[in-house]
Amino acid sequence: MTTAKKSAQRLGFKSGEAIVYPAHGVGRITAIEEQEIAGFKLELYVVSFDKDKMVLRVPTGKASSVGMRKLAEPALIQKALDVLTGRARVKRTMWSRRAQEYEAKINSGDLIAVTEVVRDLYRSEAQPEQSYSERQLYESALDRIVREIAAVNKITDTEALKLIEQSLAKSPRRAKGAEADAEGDDLQEEAA
């Protein structure tokens, strides 16, 4: 019942193109195919996520409503790296509420929102240890931006991670070291 279609381009996406799917990050459209499901012919993007060893089929008509998008432009990548150099903005709310907000930002597919999560949850060597859930959210957000920066700049994930770490190191709070942590909390309240 599955017939692979060799179509040049549908709704701005084409076969072989790297895309961002909000809930899973960077993937590649491997094909655009037509399938019959419950008696209806449906045109689907076949999206492969190599790192997760997963294949997703997205109806072409639903691609924009689920938030599937093209990779960010280099200018937006630079803006994201600039966001990392800013001061962390941590709200004074319960962790469970903040964790939900971070999760929503990560799954939004918005590069800048995901970058803000990395900036806010980053801990330098001099700072206190992260909780398990903080580390999980941080690593999830970091993985998303590493993969997108690597795909856009056509570099390896390791090189993209170095770019991100260099930007994080330029942050005013991290540059001062451990003694700034105590007064950094006071400065955050003023910034918020």
N, C-alpha and C. Protein backbone atom coordinates (compact mmCIF):
# COMPACT_ATOMS: atom_id res chain seq x y z
N MET A 1 0.81 -1.21 0.00
CA MET A 1 0.00 0.00 0.00
C MET A 1 0.84 1.26 0.00
N THR A 2 2.09 1.15 0.42
CA THR A 2 2.96 2.31 0.47
C THR A 2 3.65 2.51 -0.87
N THR A 3 3.46 3.69 -1.42
CA THR A 3 4.15 4.00 -2.66
C THR A 3 4.99 5.25 -2.42
N ALA A 4 6.28 5.10 -2.56
CA ALA A 4 7.17 6.25 -2.36
C ALA A 4 7.02 7.19 -3.55
N LYS A 5 6.88 8.47 -3.23
CA LYS A 5 6.74 9.47 -4.29
C LYS A 5 8.00 10.30 -4.38
N LYS A 6 8.47 10.50 -5.56
CA LYS A 6 9.63 11.35 -5.79
C LYS A 6 9.14 12.74 -6.18
N SER A 7 8.67 13.49 -5.20
CA SER A 7 8.18 14.83 -5.52
C SER A 7 9.26 15.84 -5.15
N ALA A 8 9.34 16.86 -5.94
CA ALA A 8 10.40 17.84 -5.77
C ALA A 8 10.24 18.61 -4.47
N GLN A 9 9.05 19.14 -4.21
CA GLN A 9 8.87 19.99 -3.04
C GLN A 9 7.39 20.11 -2.71
N ARG A 10 7.07 20.05 -1.44
CA ARG A 10 5.69 20.23 -0.97
C ARG A 10 5.71 21.19 0.21
N LEU A 11 4.91 22.22 0.16
CA LEU A 11 4.77 23.19 1.24
C LEU A 11 6.12 23.72 1.75
N GLY A 12 7.07 23.87 0.86
CA GLY A 12 8.35 24.44 1.26
C GLY A 12 9.36 23.42 1.75
N PHE A 13 8.95 22.19 2.00
CA PHE A 13 9.89 21.15 2.45
C PHE A 13 10.16 20.20 1.29
N LYS A 14 11.40 19.74 1.18
CA LYS A 14 11.71 18.79 0.12
C LYS A 14 12.47 17.61 0.69
N SER A 15 12.46 16.53 -0.04
CA SER A 15 13.15 15.31 0.37
C SER A 15 14.65 15.57 0.51
N GLY A 16 15.24 15.08 1.59
CA GLY A 16 16.67 15.28 1.83
C GLY A 16 16.98 16.50 2.68
N GLU A 17 15.97 17.32 2.95
CA GLU A 17 16.17 18.56 3.70
C GLU A 17 16.16 18.30 5.21
N ALA A 18 17.04 19.01 5.94
CA ALA A 18 17.05 18.94 7.40
C ALA A 18 15.98 19.89 7.92
N ILE A 19 15.22 19.43 8.91
CA ILE A 19 14.14 20.24 9.49
C ILE A 19 14.21 20.14 11.02
N VAL A 20 13.40 20.96 11.69
CA VAL A 20 13.27 20.88 13.14
C VAL A 20 11.84 20.50 13.46
N TYR A 21 11.68 19.41 14.19
CA TYR A 21 10.36 18.98 14.67
C TYR A 21 10.36 19.29 16.16
N PRO A 22 9.42 20.13 16.65
CA PRO A 22 9.48 20.65 18.02
C PRO A 22 9.73 19.61 19.13
N ALA A 23 9.04 18.50 19.09
CA ALA A 23 9.17 17.53 20.17
C ALA A 23 10.41 16.65 20.08
N HIS A 24 11.11 16.65 18.93
CA HIS A 24 12.24 15.75 18.77
C HIS A 24 13.53 16.40 18.29
N GLY A 25 13.48 17.65 17.87
CA GLY A 25 14.69 18.33 17.43
C GLY A 25 14.95 18.20 15.94
N VAL A 26 16.24 18.15 15.58
CA VAL A 26 16.64 18.15 14.17
C VAL A 26 16.49 16.75 13.56
N GLY A 27 15.81 16.72 12.42
CA GLY A 27 15.63 15.47 11.66
C GLY A 27 15.83 15.75 10.19
N ARG A 28 15.74 14.72 9.37
CA ARG A 28 15.91 14.88 7.93
C ARG A 28 14.74 14.23 7.22
N ILE A 29 14.16 14.95 6.26
CA ILE A 29 13.08 14.37 5.46
C ILE A 29 13.72 13.39 4.49
N THR A 30 13.40 12.12 4.64
CA THR A 30 14.00 11.10 3.78
C THR A 30 13.14 10.84 2.56
N ALA A 31 11.83 11.12 2.66
CA ALA A 31 10.94 10.89 1.51
C ALA A 31 9.63 11.61 1.75
N ILE A 32 8.89 11.78 0.65
CA ILE A 32 7.51 12.26 0.73
C ILE A 32 6.71 11.16 0.06
N GLU A 33 5.86 10.50 0.84
CA GLU A 33 5.15 9.34 0.30
C GLU A 33 3.65 9.46 0.50
N GLU A 34 2.94 8.61 -0.22
CA GLU A 34 1.49 8.57 -0.11
C GLU A 34 1.11 7.22 0.47
N GLN A 35 0.24 7.24 1.49
CA GLN A 35 -0.23 6.00 2.10
C GLN A 35 -1.74 6.03 2.17
N GLU A 36 -2.33 4.85 2.16
CA GLU A 36 -3.77 4.76 2.34
C GLU A 36 -4.03 4.32 3.77
N ILE A 37 -4.69 5.18 4.52
CA ILE A 37 -4.99 4.91 5.93
C ILE A 37 -6.49 5.04 6.12
N ALA A 38 -7.12 3.95 6.57
CA ALA A 38 -8.57 3.90 6.79
C ALA A 38 -9.34 4.34 5.55
N GLY A 39 -8.88 3.96 4.39
CA GLY A 39 -9.56 4.27 3.15
C GLY A 39 -9.25 5.64 2.57
N PHE A 40 -8.46 6.43 3.26
CA PHE A 40 -8.12 7.77 2.78
C PHE A 40 -6.67 7.79 2.31
N LYS A 41 -6.43 8.46 1.19
CA LYS A 41 -5.06 8.63 0.73
C LYS A 41 -4.48 9.83 1.48
N LEU A 42 -3.31 9.62 2.05
CA LEU A 42 -2.67 10.66 2.85
C LEU A 42 -1.23 10.84 2.38
N GLU A 43 -0.84 12.09 2.16
CA GLU A 43 0.53 12.39 1.77
C GLU A 43 1.32 12.69 3.04
N LEU A 44 2.48 12.06 3.18
CA LEU A 44 3.26 12.15 4.42
C LEU A 44 4.71 12.51 4.16
N TYR A 45 5.28 13.31 5.09
CA TYR A 45 6.72 13.52 5.12
C TYR A 45 7.27 12.38 5.97
N VAL A 46 8.28 11.71 5.50
CA VAL A 46 8.96 10.69 6.30
C VAL A 46 10.21 11.37 6.86
N VAL A 47 10.21 11.57 8.19
CA VAL A 47 11.29 12.29 8.85
C VAL A 47 12.10 11.30 9.69
N SER A 48 13.40 11.28 9.44
CA SER A 48 14.29 10.37 10.15
C SER A 48 15.12 11.16 11.17
N PHE A 49 15.17 10.64 12.40
CA PHE A 49 16.00 11.22 13.46
C PHE A 49 17.09 10.20 13.75
N ASP A 50 18.27 10.37 13.13
CA ASP A 50 19.34 9.39 13.24
C ASP A 50 19.80 9.17 14.67
N LYS A 51 19.95 10.25 15.43
CA LYS A 51 20.47 10.12 16.80
C LYS A 51 19.53 9.29 17.67
N ASP A 52 18.22 9.48 17.49
CA ASP A 52 17.24 8.76 18.29
C ASP A 52 16.84 7.43 17.66
N LYS A 53 17.38 7.15 16.46
CA LYS A 53 17.01 5.93 15.71
C LYS A 53 15.49 5.82 15.59
N MET A 54 14.90 6.90 15.07
CA MET A 54 13.45 6.99 15.00
C MET A 54 13.03 7.54 13.64
N VAL A 55 11.89 7.06 13.15
CA VAL A 55 11.31 7.58 11.91
C VAL A 55 9.91 8.05 12.24
N LEU A 56 9.58 9.24 11.78
CA LEU A 56 8.28 9.85 12.05
C LEU A 56 7.61 10.14 10.72
N ARG A 57 6.32 9.89 10.64
CA ARG A 57 5.57 10.22 9.42
C ARG A 57 4.59 11.35 9.79
N VAL A 58 4.77 12.47 9.13
CA VAL A 58 3.95 13.66 9.40
C VAL A 58 3.10 13.97 8.18
N PRO A 59 1.77 14.01 8.33
CA PRO A 59 0.93 14.40 7.19
C PRO A 59 1.35 15.78 6.69
N THR A 60 1.46 15.93 5.36
CA THR A 60 1.94 17.21 4.80
C THR A 60 1.05 18.37 5.23
N GLY A 61 -0.24 18.12 5.37
CA GLY A 61 -1.17 19.19 5.77
C GLY A 61 -1.02 19.61 7.22
N LYS A 62 -0.43 18.76 8.05
CA LYS A 62 -0.28 19.05 9.48
C LYS A 62 1.11 19.58 9.84
N ALA A 63 2.01 19.62 8.89
CA ALA A 63 3.40 20.00 9.17
C ALA A 63 3.50 21.36 9.86
N SER A 64 2.78 22.36 9.37
CA SER A 64 2.89 23.69 9.99
C SER A 64 2.17 23.75 11.33
N SER A 65 1.04 23.05 11.46
CA SER A 65 0.30 23.11 12.73
C SER A 65 1.03 22.40 13.87
N VAL A 66 1.86 21.40 13.57
CA VAL A 66 2.64 20.75 14.62
C VAL A 66 3.94 21.50 14.90
N GLY A 67 4.24 22.51 14.10
CA GLY A 67 5.40 23.35 14.34
C GLY A 67 6.66 22.93 13.62
N MET A 68 6.54 22.00 12.67
CA MET A 68 7.71 21.59 11.89
C MET A 68 8.22 22.81 11.12
N ARG A 69 9.53 23.04 11.17
CA ARG A 69 10.09 24.22 10.51
C ARG A 69 11.43 23.91 9.89
N LYS A 70 11.86 24.83 9.02
CA LYS A 70 13.18 24.73 8.41
C LYS A 70 14.22 25.06 9.49
N LEU A 71 15.48 24.71 9.23
CA LEU A 71 16.55 25.07 10.16
C LEU A 71 16.65 26.59 10.27
N ALA A 72 17.16 27.07 11.38
CA ALA A 72 17.32 28.51 11.61
C ALA A 72 18.34 29.09 10.63
N GLU A 73 18.17 30.37 10.35
CA GLU A 73 19.14 31.09 9.52
C GLU A 73 20.40 31.36 10.36
N PRO A 74 21.56 31.53 9.72
CA PRO A 74 22.78 31.82 10.49
C PRO A 74 22.66 33.03 11.41
N ALA A 75 21.89 34.05 11.02
CA ALA A 75 21.71 35.23 11.87
C ALA A 75 21.00 34.86 13.17
N LEU A 76 20.01 33.96 13.08
CA LEU A 76 19.29 33.53 14.28
C LEU A 76 20.20 32.67 15.17
N ILE A 77 21.08 31.89 14.57
CA ILE A 77 22.05 31.10 15.34
C ILE A 77 22.95 32.04 16.13
N GLN A 78 23.40 33.12 15.49
CA GLN A 78 24.24 34.10 16.19
C GLN A 78 23.48 34.76 17.32
N LYS A 79 22.20 35.07 17.09
CA LYS A 79 21.38 35.68 18.15
C LYS A 79 21.25 34.71 19.33
N ALA A 80 21.09 33.42 19.03
CA ALA A 80 20.99 32.41 20.09
C ALA A 80 22.28 32.35 20.90
N LEU A 81 23.42 32.40 20.21
CA LEU A 81 24.71 32.39 20.92
C LEU A 81 24.86 33.64 21.78
N ASP A 82 24.32 34.77 21.30
CA ASP A 82 24.36 36.01 22.09
C ASP A 82 23.48 35.89 23.34
N VAL A 83 22.35 35.20 23.22
CA VAL A 83 21.46 34.99 24.37
C VAL A 83 22.21 34.24 25.48
N LEU A 84 23.07 33.30 25.07
CA LEU A 84 23.84 32.52 26.05
C LEU A 84 24.81 33.37 26.85
N THR A 85 25.24 34.49 26.29
CA THR A 85 26.19 35.35 27.00
C THR A 85 25.48 36.24 28.02
N GLY A 86 24.16 36.27 27.99
CA GLY A 86 23.39 37.10 28.92
C GLY A 86 23.32 36.50 30.31
N ARG A 87 22.75 37.28 31.23
CA ARG A 87 22.59 36.85 32.61
C ARG A 87 21.41 35.89 32.72
N ALA A 88 21.59 34.84 33.51
CA ALA A 88 20.51 33.86 33.72
C ALA A 88 19.33 34.54 34.39
N ARG A 89 18.13 34.23 33.91
CA ARG A 89 16.91 34.81 34.51
C ARG A 89 16.11 33.66 35.12
N VAL A 90 16.26 33.48 36.41
CA VAL A 90 15.56 32.39 37.09
C VAL A 90 14.44 33.00 37.91
N LYS A 91 13.21 32.57 37.62
CA LYS A 91 12.06 33.09 38.35
C LYS A 91 12.03 32.53 39.75
N ARG A 92 11.45 33.26 40.65
CA ARG A 92 11.32 32.82 42.04
C ARG A 92 10.01 32.06 42.23
N THR A 93 9.84 30.99 41.51
CA THR A 93 8.65 30.17 41.66
C THR A 93 9.10 28.76 42.03
N MET A 94 8.13 27.93 42.37
CA MET A 94 8.45 26.55 42.75
C MET A 94 9.13 25.84 41.58
N TRP A 95 10.02 24.90 41.91
CA TRP A 95 10.76 24.20 40.88
C TRP A 95 9.83 23.49 39.91
N SER A 96 8.77 22.87 40.41
CA SER A 96 7.87 22.11 39.53
C SER A 96 7.26 23.02 38.46
N ARG A 97 6.92 24.24 38.83
CA ARG A 97 6.36 25.20 37.87
C ARG A 97 7.41 25.62 36.85
N ARG A 98 8.64 25.91 37.35
CA ARG A 98 9.71 26.29 36.44
C ARG A 98 10.06 25.14 35.50
N ALA A 99 10.07 23.91 36.04
CA ALA A 99 10.39 22.73 35.22
C ALA A 99 9.38 22.58 34.09
N GLN A 100 8.10 22.82 34.38
CA GLN A 100 7.06 22.75 33.34
C GLN A 100 7.31 23.81 32.27
N GLU A 101 7.66 25.01 32.70
CA GLU A 101 7.94 26.09 31.75
C GLU A 101 9.15 25.76 30.88
N TYR A 102 10.20 25.21 31.49
CA TYR A 102 11.39 24.82 30.74
C TYR A 102 11.05 23.74 29.73
N GLU A 103 10.28 22.74 30.16
CA GLU A 103 9.88 21.64 29.27
C GLU A 103 9.08 22.19 28.08
N ALA A 104 8.17 23.13 28.36
CA ALA A 104 7.36 23.73 27.29
C ALA A 104 8.25 24.49 26.30
N LYS A 105 9.26 25.21 26.83
CA LYS A 105 10.18 25.94 25.95
C LYS A 105 10.98 24.97 25.07
N ILE A 106 11.45 23.87 25.67
CA ILE A 106 12.24 22.89 24.93
C ILE A 106 11.41 22.30 23.80
N ASN A 107 10.15 21.97 24.08
CA ASN A 107 9.29 21.34 23.08
C ASN A 107 8.60 22.32 22.14
N SER A 108 8.86 23.63 22.33
CA SER A 108 8.25 24.63 21.46
C SER A 108 8.87 24.63 20.07
N GLY A 109 10.12 24.18 20.00
CA GLY A 109 10.81 24.20 18.71
C GLY A 109 11.45 25.55 18.41
N ASP A 110 11.24 26.54 19.29
CA ASP A 110 11.78 27.88 19.12
C ASP A 110 13.23 27.90 19.62
N LEU A 111 14.18 28.13 18.72
CA LEU A 111 15.60 28.08 19.07
C LEU A 111 15.95 29.02 20.22
N ILE A 112 15.43 30.24 20.19
CA ILE A 112 15.75 31.21 21.24
C ILE A 112 15.21 30.75 22.59
N ALA A 113 13.99 30.21 22.63
CA ALA A 113 13.41 29.71 23.88
C ALA A 113 14.24 28.57 24.45
N VAL A 114 14.68 27.66 23.59
CA VAL A 114 15.51 26.53 24.04
C VAL A 114 16.85 27.04 24.55
N THR A 115 17.40 28.05 23.88
CA THR A 115 18.67 28.64 24.30
C THR A 115 18.53 29.29 25.67
N GLU A 116 17.39 29.91 25.95
CA GLU A 116 17.16 30.52 27.26
C GLU A 116 17.18 29.46 28.36
N VAL A 117 16.66 28.28 28.08
CA VAL A 117 16.67 27.19 29.05
C VAL A 117 18.12 26.80 29.36
N VAL A 118 18.95 26.67 28.32
CA VAL A 118 20.36 26.32 28.52
C VAL A 118 21.03 27.40 29.36
N ARG A 119 20.81 28.65 29.01
CA ARG A 119 21.41 29.77 29.75
C ARG A 119 20.99 29.74 31.23
N ASP A 120 19.71 29.53 31.49
CA ASP A 120 19.20 29.59 32.86
C ASP A 120 19.61 28.40 33.71
N LEU A 121 19.81 27.24 33.09
CA LEU A 121 20.14 26.04 33.87
C LEU A 121 21.63 25.70 33.89
N TYR A 122 22.44 26.45 33.14
CA TYR A 122 23.88 26.16 33.08
C TYR A 122 24.53 26.37 34.45
N ARG A 123 25.42 25.46 34.80
CA ARG A 123 26.21 25.58 36.03
C ARG A 123 27.68 25.44 35.68
N SER A 124 28.49 26.41 36.13
CA SER A 124 29.94 26.32 35.91
C SER A 124 30.52 25.42 37.00
N GLU A 125 31.81 25.15 36.88
CA GLU A 125 32.48 24.28 37.86
C GLU A 125 32.39 24.86 39.27
N ALA A 126 32.41 26.19 39.37
CA ALA A 126 32.43 26.84 40.68
C ALA A 126 31.05 26.90 41.34
N GLN A 127 30.01 26.61 40.56
CA GLN A 127 28.65 26.73 41.09
C GLN A 127 28.18 25.42 41.70
N PRO A 128 27.13 25.49 42.54
CA PRO A 128 26.63 24.27 43.19
C PRO A 128 26.10 23.25 42.19
N GLU A 129 26.10 22.00 42.61
CA GLU A 129 25.64 20.88 41.78
C GLU A 129 24.17 21.04 41.39
N GLN A 130 23.81 20.56 40.20
CA GLN A 130 22.42 20.58 39.75
C GLN A 130 21.68 19.37 40.30
N SER A 131 20.38 19.51 40.47
CA SER A 131 19.56 18.35 40.82
C SER A 131 19.44 17.47 39.58
N TYR A 132 18.97 16.25 39.77
CA TYR A 132 18.83 15.33 38.64
C TYR A 132 17.89 15.90 37.59
N SER A 133 16.74 16.44 38.00
CA SER A 133 15.76 16.95 37.03
C SER A 133 16.28 18.20 36.31
N GLU A 134 17.04 19.04 37.03
CA GLU A 134 17.65 20.21 36.37
C GLU A 134 18.63 19.75 35.29
N ARG A 135 19.45 18.78 35.63
CA ARG A 135 20.45 18.28 34.69
C ARG A 135 19.78 17.65 33.47
N GLN A 136 18.68 16.90 33.68
CA GLN A 136 17.96 16.28 32.58
C GLN A 136 17.42 17.34 31.62
N LEU A 137 16.78 18.38 32.15
CA LEU A 137 16.24 19.46 31.32
C LEU A 137 17.37 20.20 30.59
N TYR A 138 18.46 20.47 31.33
CA TYR A 138 19.60 21.17 30.73
C TYR A 138 20.17 20.37 29.56
N GLU A 139 20.39 19.08 29.78
CA GLU A 139 20.97 18.24 28.73
C GLU A 139 20.04 18.09 27.53
N SER A 140 18.75 18.04 27.78
CA SER A 140 17.78 17.95 26.70
C SER A 140 17.81 19.22 25.84
N ALA A 141 17.80 20.38 26.50
CA ALA A 141 17.85 21.67 25.79
C ALA A 141 19.18 21.83 25.05
N LEU A 142 20.28 21.46 25.73
CA LEU A 142 21.60 21.58 25.13
C LEU A 142 21.71 20.72 23.88
N ASP A 143 21.19 19.49 23.95
CA ASP A 143 21.22 18.58 22.81
C ASP A 143 20.49 19.18 21.61
N ARG A 144 19.33 19.82 21.86
CA ARG A 144 18.55 20.42 20.77
C ARG A 144 19.34 21.52 20.06
N ILE A 145 19.95 22.43 20.85
CA ILE A 145 20.65 23.54 20.18
C ILE A 145 21.96 23.08 19.56
N VAL A 146 22.63 22.11 20.17
CA VAL A 146 23.87 21.59 19.59
C VAL A 146 23.57 21.02 18.21
N ARG A 147 22.52 20.21 18.10
CA ARG A 147 22.20 19.57 16.82
C ARG A 147 21.78 20.60 15.76
N GLU A 148 21.04 21.63 16.17
CA GLU A 148 20.63 22.63 15.18
C GLU A 148 21.81 23.49 14.73
N ILE A 149 22.65 23.92 15.68
CA ILE A 149 23.82 24.72 15.31
C ILE A 149 24.75 23.91 14.41
N ALA A 150 24.95 22.64 14.75
CA ALA A 150 25.81 21.77 13.94
C ALA A 150 25.26 21.63 12.52
N ALA A 151 23.94 21.45 12.40
CA ALA A 151 23.32 21.29 11.08
C ALA A 151 23.40 22.57 10.25
N VAL A 152 23.14 23.71 10.89
CA VAL A 152 23.16 24.99 10.16
C VAL A 152 24.57 25.36 9.73
N ASN A 153 25.53 25.24 10.66
CA ASN A 153 26.91 25.63 10.37
C ASN A 153 27.72 24.54 9.68
N LYS A 154 27.09 23.38 9.48
CA LYS A 154 27.75 22.22 8.85
C LYS A 154 29.05 21.87 9.57
N ILE A 155 28.94 21.73 10.90
CA ILE A 155 30.07 21.34 11.75
C ILE A 155 29.64 20.13 12.58
N THR A 156 30.57 19.55 13.31
CA THR A 156 30.23 18.40 14.14
C THR A 156 29.52 18.86 15.42
N ASP A 157 28.86 17.93 16.09
CA ASP A 157 28.20 18.25 17.36
C ASP A 157 29.22 18.75 18.38
N THR A 158 30.41 18.18 18.38
CA THR A 158 31.46 18.58 19.33
C THR A 158 31.88 20.02 19.09
N GLU A 159 32.03 20.40 17.82
CA GLU A 159 32.40 21.80 17.50
C GLU A 159 31.27 22.75 17.89
N ALA A 160 30.03 22.34 17.68
CA ALA A 160 28.89 23.17 18.07
C ALA A 160 28.85 23.34 19.58
N LEU A 161 29.12 22.27 20.31
CA LEU A 161 29.14 22.33 21.78
C LEU A 161 30.22 23.30 22.26
N LYS A 162 31.38 23.32 21.59
CA LYS A 162 32.45 24.25 21.95
C LYS A 162 32.00 25.70 21.76
N LEU A 163 31.30 25.96 20.65
CA LEU A 163 30.77 27.31 20.41
C LEU A 163 29.84 27.74 21.54
N ILE A 164 28.96 26.81 21.94
CA ILE A 164 27.99 27.10 23.00
C ILE A 164 28.71 27.35 24.32
N GLU A 165 29.69 26.50 24.65
CA GLU A 165 30.43 26.66 25.90
C GLU A 165 31.22 27.97 25.93
N GLN A 166 31.75 28.39 24.77
CA GLN A 166 32.46 29.67 24.70
C GLN A 166 31.51 30.82 24.99
N SER A 167 30.29 30.74 24.45
CA SER A 167 29.30 31.79 24.71
C SER A 167 28.88 31.81 26.17
N LEU A 168 28.68 30.62 26.75
CA LEU A 168 28.30 30.54 28.17
C LEU A 168 29.40 31.11 29.06
N ALA A 169 30.66 30.91 28.68
CA ALA A 169 31.79 31.40 29.47
C ALA A 169 31.85 32.93 29.48
N LYS A 170 31.27 33.56 28.45
CA LYS A 170 31.28 35.04 28.36
C LYS A 170 30.20 35.67 29.23
N SER A 171 29.33 34.87 29.79
CA SER A 171 28.25 35.39 30.62
C SER A 171 28.82 36.15 31.80
N PRO A 172 28.22 37.31 32.15
CA PRO A 172 28.78 38.13 33.24
C PRO A 172 28.85 37.38 34.56
N ARG A 173 27.86 36.55 34.86
CA ARG A 173 27.82 35.85 36.14
C ARG A 173 28.91 34.79 36.21
N ARG A 174 29.17 34.10 35.10
CA ARG A 174 30.15 33.02 35.12
C ARG A 174 31.57 33.55 35.09
N ALA A 175 31.77 34.69 34.49
CA ALA A 175 33.11 35.24 34.36
C ALA A 175 33.71 35.60 35.72
N LYS A 176 32.86 36.02 36.67
CA LYS A 176 33.34 36.46 37.97
C LYS A 176 33.66 35.30 38.91
N GLY A 177 33.05 34.14 38.65
CA GLY A 177 33.37 32.97 39.47
C GLY A 177 32.43 32.79 40.64
N ALA A 178 32.90 32.07 41.64
CA ALA A 178 32.04 31.62 42.74
C ALA A 178 31.58 32.77 43.63
N GLU A 179 32.44 33.77 43.87
CA GLU A 179 32.03 34.84 44.78
C GLU A 179 30.88 35.66 44.20
N ALA A 180 30.71 35.63 42.92
CA ALA A 180 29.61 36.38 42.28
C ALA A 180 28.27 35.66 42.46
N ASP A 181 28.32 34.38 42.79
CA ASP A 181 27.08 33.62 42.94
C ASP A 181 26.17 34.20 44.01
N ALA A 182 26.75 34.57 45.15
CA ALA A 182 25.94 35.10 46.23
C ALA A 182 25.29 36.42 45.84
N GLU A 183 26.07 37.33 45.25
CA GLU A 183 25.48 38.60 44.85
C GLU A 183 24.71 38.48 43.54
N GLY A 184 24.99 37.44 42.76
CA GLY A 184 24.27 37.22 41.51
C GLY A 184 22.79 37.00 41.74
N ASP A 185 22.45 36.35 42.86
CA ASP A 185 21.04 36.13 43.18
C ASP A 185 20.33 37.45 43.42
N ASP A 186 21.00 38.38 44.10
CA ASP A 186 20.40 39.70 44.31
C ASP A 186 20.21 40.43 43.01
N LEU A 187 21.19 40.34 42.12
CA LEU A 187 21.10 41.01 40.82
C LEU A 187 19.99 40.43 39.96
N GLN A 188 19.74 39.12 40.10
CA GLN A 188 18.69 38.49 39.33
C GLN A 188 17.32 39.03 39.71
N GLU A 189 17.12 39.27 41.02
CA GLU A 189 15.83 39.80 41.45
C GLU A 189 15.59 41.18 40.85
N GLU A 190 16.64 42.00 40.77
CA GLU A 190 16.50 43.31 40.17
C GLU A 190 16.19 43.22 38.69
N ALA A 191 16.82 42.24 38.00
CA ALA A 191 16.62 42.08 36.56
C ALA A 191 15.23 41.55 36.25
N ALA A 192 14.69 40.75 37.13
CA ALA A 192 13.37 40.13 36.89
C ALA A 192 12.23 41.04 37.12
